[in-house]
Amino acid sequence: MVRSMFAAISGLKSHQTRMDVIGNNIANVNTWGYKSQSANFTDTLYQTMKNGKGGDATAGGMGGVNASQLGFGVDVGSITMNHTVGSRSLTGRANELMIDGPAYFVVGPFQNPVGGVTAGGEITSANGLKLSRVGILTQDDNGYLIDDAGNYVYGFALDQDGNPTGELKPLQCVPKGGGKFSSISFGQDGTVRGVTTDSKTEVIGMIAVANVSNPAGLEKSEGYYYDIGENAGDVVVMKTTEITGPILSGYLEMSNTNLAEEMANMIITQRGYQANTKMITVTDQMLEELVNMKR
C-alpha cells in the first residue's frame, strides 16, 4: 500500500522540477537569445511480480504468459533545450547583432591569436572560448571589439578577395594610420568596416561564427554564454554561409519561449502535482482505516 505513497512522492518531486523549468522559461521570456527548456519524464523502478514466458506448442504444453510488473513512480529523465532561432527584435543600433540562423558568436578572454585555429578549423573547450547568441557590441579603450560583458569578439583578417585568412583572433578596430574610426558597420557576411575621420572606408576584418554539429551538447554558462560540452561534436569556426545564417545589424534575437505554451504547461503540471498530493492523502486514509480496524 505504501508503494503508492512513494510513487506519489516521486511524482511530486518530478512535477516540482518541471515547474522549476517552466518558471525559468517564463522568467526569461524577455531575455535576449534565451533558449527554452523542457523537462522530460520517465517511469522508473519496476518490480516484476510475475515473469513472462513463451508458449509451448507441443503436446500438453501451455501458452505464453506476459510478465506482470509494478512501477514505483516517475523521474526526470532529461532536461532538453530548444535551439530554434528566436524572433528578430529591431533595435536600430548598428552595433547590436543577431545571427539569423543556428550559428554562434565566438567570444572569450584575450588570446592573440588562438593558436592553430584558422577558418574552417575546430575549437574545443580547451581553447577557453565561449559561444554566444547575443551580439551587443562596443569597443574598449584599445579599440578591440567586445560584448557587453567585456569578452573579446573573435574573427579573422581578410585577404584582397574578402576571404578569411590567418588565425582566429580578437578583432581590433583601429585605422591603419592610427587614431579612431568615426563609425563602424557590420555586413551580413560578418565583414566589419570602419569609416575614418577623413571619410575613408577600411575593412577591419570578419566576425567568426561557430557552427555546432550537436547544439544539444552545449552547456549553459552564466549570462547568455555556452560552454563547449564533451558531446557538442564538431565546433567549426568559419565565415557566415546559408547554413549558419547571416549576421543582421540593428537586431537582437528574442527569447524563443512560447509564453502561451508555457502557461498551458504550467496548468498541466499544477494538476499533475495536485493529483499526486491526492494520492498521498488517499493512501494515508487507507492506512488510517487499517490502523482503526482493531478499534
Protein backbone atom coordinates (compact mmCIF):
# COMPACT_ATOMS: atom_id res chain seq x y z
CA MET A 1 0.00 0.00 0.00
CA VAL A 2 2.82 2.41 0.84
CA ARG A 3 4.21 1.84 -2.65
CA SER A 4 1.54 4.19 -3.95
CA MET A 5 2.74 6.83 -1.49
CA PHE A 6 6.36 6.51 -2.59
CA ALA A 7 5.27 6.67 -6.23
CA ALA A 8 3.27 9.82 -5.48
CA ILE A 9 6.24 11.38 -3.69
CA SER A 10 8.41 10.78 -6.77
CA GLY A 11 5.61 12.42 -8.79
CA LEU A 12 5.71 15.48 -6.54
CA LYS A 13 9.48 15.81 -6.91
CA SER A 14 9.37 15.39 -10.68
CA HIS A 15 6.50 17.82 -11.15
CA GLN A 16 8.30 20.35 -8.95
CA THR A 17 11.38 20.05 -11.18
CA ARG A 18 9.21 20.52 -14.26
CA MET A 19 7.61 23.58 -12.66
CA ASP A 20 11.12 24.94 -11.95
CA VAL A 21 11.98 24.57 -15.64
CA ILE A 22 8.72 26.27 -16.69
CA GLY A 23 9.35 29.07 -14.18
CA ASN A 24 12.82 29.65 -15.61
CA ASN A 25 11.41 29.77 -19.14
CA ILE A 26 8.78 32.33 -18.15
CA ALA A 27 11.32 34.38 -16.18
CA ASN A 28 13.47 34.60 -19.33
CA VAL A 29 10.65 35.39 -21.75
CA ASN A 30 12.33 38.75 -22.48
CA THR A 31 15.96 37.63 -22.22
CA TRP A 32 17.94 38.17 -25.44
CA GLY A 33 18.90 34.91 -27.12
CA TYR A 34 17.36 32.70 -24.43
CA LYS A 35 16.60 29.11 -25.45
CA SER A 36 13.66 27.49 -23.67
CA GLN A 37 13.97 24.13 -21.93
CA SER A 38 11.64 21.25 -21.21
CA ALA A 39 11.67 18.55 -18.53
CA ASN A 40 11.04 15.04 -19.82
CA PHE A 41 9.56 12.43 -17.50
CA THR A 42 10.40 8.75 -17.50
CA ASP A 43 8.85 5.95 -15.45
CA THR A 44 11.25 4.18 -13.14
CA LEU A 45 11.99 1.20 -10.91
CA TYR A 46 9.85 -1.77 -11.87
CA GLN A 47 9.29 -4.86 -9.73
CA THR A 48 8.43 -7.99 -11.67
CA MET A 49 5.50 -9.65 -9.92
CA LYS A 50 5.22 -12.47 -12.44
CA ASN A 51 7.78 -13.48 -15.02
CA GLY A 52 6.79 -13.81 -18.64
CA LYS A 53 7.44 -16.94 -20.65
CA GLY A 54 7.00 -18.15 -24.18
CA GLY A 55 4.34 -20.62 -25.30
CA ASP A 56 4.95 -24.36 -25.66
CA ALA A 57 3.18 -25.60 -28.76
CA THR A 58 3.97 -29.26 -28.14
CA ALA A 59 1.52 -31.84 -26.82
CA GLY A 60 0.49 -30.98 -23.26
CA GLY A 61 2.23 -27.59 -23.40
CA MET A 62 0.85 -24.28 -22.14
CA GLY A 63 0.51 -20.95 -23.95
CA GLY A 64 2.73 -17.95 -23.40
CA VAL A 65 2.29 -15.68 -20.39
CA ASN A 66 3.07 -11.96 -20.29
CA ALA A 67 5.13 -10.50 -17.48
CA SER A 68 3.38 -8.59 -14.68
CA GLN A 69 5.33 -5.59 -13.45
CA LEU A 70 4.64 -2.94 -10.82
CA GLY A 71 6.14 0.54 -11.18
CA PHE A 72 7.41 2.73 -8.37
CA GLY A 73 6.92 6.19 -9.80
CA VAL A 74 8.46 8.74 -12.12
CA ASP A 75 11.74 10.55 -12.58
CA VAL A 76 13.04 13.44 -14.70
CA GLY A 77 14.86 11.58 -17.44
CA SER A 78 16.33 14.67 -19.11
CA ILE A 79 16.07 18.43 -19.46
CA THR A 80 16.39 19.37 -23.12
CA MET A 81 16.93 22.73 -24.79
CA ASN A 82 15.01 24.14 -27.74
CA HIS A 83 17.62 25.63 -30.09
CA THR A 84 15.24 27.11 -32.66
CA VAL A 85 16.05 30.69 -33.68
CA GLY A 86 14.07 33.33 -31.81
CA SER A 87 12.25 36.20 -33.48
CA ARG A 88 14.03 39.37 -34.57
CA SER A 89 13.79 42.45 -32.41
CA LEU A 90 14.61 45.69 -34.21
CA THR A 91 16.86 47.90 -32.09
CA GLY A 92 18.11 50.27 -34.79
CA ARG A 93 21.60 50.29 -33.24
CA ALA A 94 24.27 49.19 -35.73
CA ASN A 95 26.49 47.64 -33.04
CA GLU A 96 23.77 45.19 -31.93
CA LEU A 97 23.84 41.98 -33.93
CA MET A 98 22.00 38.71 -34.25
CA ILE A 99 22.69 35.60 -36.30
CA ASP A 100 19.61 34.69 -38.32
CA GLY A 101 20.45 31.01 -38.21
CA PRO A 102 21.83 28.30 -35.91
CA ALA A 103 25.43 29.55 -35.56
CA TYR A 104 27.07 31.30 -32.58
CA PHE A 105 29.40 34.21 -31.96
CA VAL A 106 32.82 33.25 -30.60
CA VAL A 107 33.89 35.28 -27.56
CA GLY A 108 36.19 34.95 -24.58
CA PRO A 109 39.29 36.23 -22.76
CA PHE A 110 42.12 37.77 -24.77
CA GLN A 111 44.19 35.45 -26.95
CA ASN A 112 46.03 36.85 -29.95
CA PRO A 113 45.85 34.61 -31.85
CA VAL A 114 44.08 31.38 -30.86
CA GLY A 115 46.99 29.19 -31.87
CA GLY A 116 46.47 26.95 -34.87
CA VAL A 117 42.77 27.74 -35.37
CA THR A 118 42.05 29.11 -38.86
CA ALA A 119 38.81 29.46 -40.82
CA GLY A 120 37.24 26.02 -41.17
CA GLY A 121 39.11 24.77 -38.10
CA GLU A 122 37.65 23.42 -34.88
CA ILE A 123 37.65 24.80 -31.37
CA THR A 124 37.15 22.86 -28.16
CA SER A 125 36.70 23.66 -24.50
CA ALA A 126 40.49 23.60 -24.22
CA ASN A 127 40.68 26.85 -26.20
CA GLY A 128 38.96 28.66 -23.33
CA LEU A 129 36.40 30.34 -25.59
CA LYS A 130 32.63 30.61 -25.19
CA LEU A 131 29.76 30.73 -27.64
CA SER A 132 27.01 33.34 -27.61
CA ARG A 133 23.80 34.16 -29.48
CA VAL A 134 23.77 37.80 -28.36
CA GLY A 135 25.82 40.46 -30.14
CA ILE A 136 25.62 43.60 -28.02
CA LEU A 137 28.99 45.01 -29.08
CA THR A 138 31.15 48.02 -28.33
CA GLN A 139 34.86 48.96 -28.35
CA ASP A 140 37.21 49.09 -25.40
CA ASP A 141 39.92 51.68 -24.82
CA ASN A 142 42.32 49.71 -27.03
CA GLY A 143 39.89 49.59 -29.91
CA TYR A 144 39.05 45.91 -29.52
CA LEU A 145 35.54 44.75 -30.26
CA ILE A 146 33.96 43.42 -27.06
CA ASP A 147 30.49 42.34 -25.93
CA ASP A 148 28.59 43.92 -23.06
CA ALA A 149 30.23 41.61 -20.52
CA GLY A 150 33.76 42.54 -21.64
CA ASN A 151 34.52 39.38 -23.61
CA TYR A 152 36.57 39.88 -26.77
CA VAL A 153 34.83 39.13 -30.06
CA TYR A 154 36.85 36.81 -32.29
CA GLY A 155 37.22 36.82 -36.03
CA PHE A 156 39.65 36.76 -38.95
CA ALA A 157 41.65 39.13 -41.11
CA LEU A 158 40.60 39.28 -44.77
CA ASP A 159 42.57 38.89 -47.96
CA GLN A 160 42.08 41.03 -51.07
CA ASP A 161 39.22 38.78 -52.21
CA GLY A 162 37.33 39.16 -48.95
CA ASN A 163 38.11 35.65 -47.71
CA PRO A 164 39.12 34.97 -44.09
CA THR A 165 42.82 34.48 -43.61
CA GLY A 166 45.17 33.86 -40.73
CA GLU A 167 44.42 32.53 -37.28
CA LEU A 168 41.39 33.26 -35.12
CA LYS A 169 41.99 36.44 -33.10
CA PRO A 170 40.22 39.32 -31.33
CA LEU A 171 39.04 42.00 -33.76
CA GLN A 172 40.67 45.38 -33.22
CA CYS A 173 39.02 48.41 -34.78
CA VAL A 174 41.97 50.76 -35.33
CA PRO A 175 42.65 52.61 -38.61
CA LYS A 176 45.85 51.71 -40.44
CA GLY A 177 47.17 55.22 -39.95
CA GLY A 178 46.30 55.27 -36.26
CA GLY A 179 43.61 57.19 -34.46
CA LYS A 180 39.99 56.08 -34.27
CA PHE A 181 37.15 55.31 -36.64
CA SER A 182 34.26 57.74 -36.67
CA SER A 183 31.84 54.85 -37.25
CA ILE A 184 31.80 51.09 -37.71
CA SER A 185 29.42 48.97 -39.78
CA PHE A 186 28.75 45.25 -39.99
CA GLY A 187 27.86 43.32 -43.14
CA GLN A 188 25.62 40.26 -43.30
CA ASP A 189 28.69 38.15 -44.10
CA GLY A 190 30.31 39.36 -40.87
CA THR A 191 32.65 41.86 -42.52
CA VAL A 192 33.49 44.75 -40.21
CA ARG A 193 34.23 48.12 -41.85
CA GLY A 194 35.29 51.40 -40.32
CA VAL A 195 34.98 54.96 -41.58
CA THR A 196 37.94 57.18 -40.75
CA THR A 197 37.69 60.81 -39.74
CA ASP A 198 38.57 61.78 -43.32
CA SER A 199 35.62 59.67 -44.62
CA LYS A 200 37.69 56.76 -45.94
CA THR A 201 36.37 53.23 -45.51
CA GLU A 202 38.68 50.47 -44.29
CA VAL A 203 37.99 46.76 -43.90
CA ILE A 204 38.79 45.75 -40.33
CA GLY A 205 38.15 42.01 -40.53
CA MET A 206 35.39 39.44 -40.36
CA ILE A 207 33.43 38.24 -37.35
CA ALA A 208 33.79 34.48 -36.97
CA VAL A 209 30.77 32.29 -36.32
CA ALA A 210 30.78 28.78 -34.91
CA ASN A 211 28.74 26.00 -36.47
CA VAL A 212 27.99 23.28 -33.89
CA SER A 213 27.16 19.78 -35.10
CA ASN A 214 25.24 18.93 -31.90
CA PRO A 215 23.91 22.11 -30.23
CA ALA A 216 22.18 19.97 -27.58
CA GLY A 217 25.69 19.12 -26.34
CA LEU A 218 26.41 22.73 -25.43
CA GLU A 219 26.26 23.59 -21.74
CA LYS A 220 24.73 26.83 -20.49
CA SER A 221 27.05 29.12 -18.57
CA GLU A 222 26.27 32.31 -16.66
CA GLY A 223 24.74 35.09 -18.66
CA TYR A 224 23.89 34.11 -22.21
CA TYR A 225 27.03 32.07 -22.84
CA TYR A 226 27.54 28.42 -23.72
CA ASP A 227 30.47 26.20 -22.89
CA ILE A 228 31.52 23.57 -25.40
CA GLY A 229 30.45 20.30 -23.80
CA GLU A 230 32.06 16.95 -24.48
CA ASN A 231 29.07 15.86 -26.56
CA ALA A 232 28.85 19.01 -28.69
CA GLY A 233 30.61 17.32 -31.58
CA ASP A 234 32.50 19.39 -34.14
CA VAL A 235 32.54 23.14 -33.43
CA VAL A 236 33.83 24.76 -36.61
CA VAL A 237 34.73 28.46 -36.82
CA MET A 238 34.01 29.98 -40.20
CA LYS A 239 32.52 32.85 -42.18
CA THR A 240 28.75 33.02 -42.45
CA THR A 241 27.05 30.79 -45.02
CA GLU A 242 23.49 29.83 -45.89
CA ILE A 243 23.82 27.09 -43.27
CA THR A 244 24.97 29.36 -40.44
CA GLY A 245 22.65 32.22 -41.39
CA PRO A 246 23.55 35.89 -41.99
CA ILE A 247 24.54 38.42 -39.35
CA LEU A 248 21.92 41.14 -39.04
CA SER A 249 22.96 44.57 -37.79
CA GLY A 250 20.43 46.55 -35.78
CA TYR A 251 18.64 43.45 -34.48
CA LEU A 252 18.81 41.23 -31.42
CA GLU A 253 17.38 37.75 -31.07
CA MET A 254 14.38 37.46 -28.78
CA SER A 255 13.79 34.57 -26.39
CA ASN A 256 12.20 31.57 -28.13
CA THR A 257 9.98 30.94 -25.09
CA ASN A 258 6.38 30.43 -26.21
CA LEU A 259 4.51 32.10 -23.35
CA ALA A 260 1.12 30.60 -24.25
CA GLU A 261 2.63 27.13 -24.34
CA GLU A 262 4.42 27.65 -21.05
CA MET A 263 1.20 28.82 -19.36
CA ALA A 264 -0.59 25.71 -20.61
CA ASN A 265 2.28 23.52 -19.39
CA MET A 266 2.13 25.26 -16.02
CA ILE A 267 -1.55 24.38 -15.62
CA ILE A 268 -0.95 20.75 -16.67
CA THR A 269 1.99 20.48 -14.27
CA GLN A 270 -0.03 22.00 -11.44
CA ARG A 271 -2.84 19.49 -11.98
CA GLY A 272 -0.33 16.65 -12.04
CA TYR A 273 1.12 17.88 -8.76
CA GLN A 274 -2.35 18.11 -7.23
CA ALA A 275 -3.19 14.57 -8.37
CA ASN A 276 -0.06 13.24 -6.66
CA THR A 277 -0.89 15.06 -3.42
CA LYS A 278 -4.37 13.49 -3.61
CA MET A 279 -2.79 10.05 -3.99
CA ILE A 280 -0.81 10.62 -0.78
CA THR A 281 -3.96 11.75 1.02
CA VAL A 282 -5.97 8.72 -0.15
CA THR A 283 -3.15 6.32 0.76
CA ASP A 284 -2.97 7.91 4.21
CA GLN A 285 -6.73 7.45 4.63
CA MET A 286 -6.43 3.77 3.70
CA LEU A 287 -3.62 3.31 6.22
CA GLU A 288 -5.77 5.04 8.84
CA GLU A 289 -8.62 2.62 8.12
CA LEU A 290 -6.22 -0.28 8.52
CA VAL A 291 -4.98 1.00 11.88
CA ASN A 292 -8.55 1.60 13.09
CA MET A 293 -9.66 -1.96 12.30
CA LYS A 294 -8.66 -3.07 15.80
CA ARG A 295 -10.84 -0.45 17.49
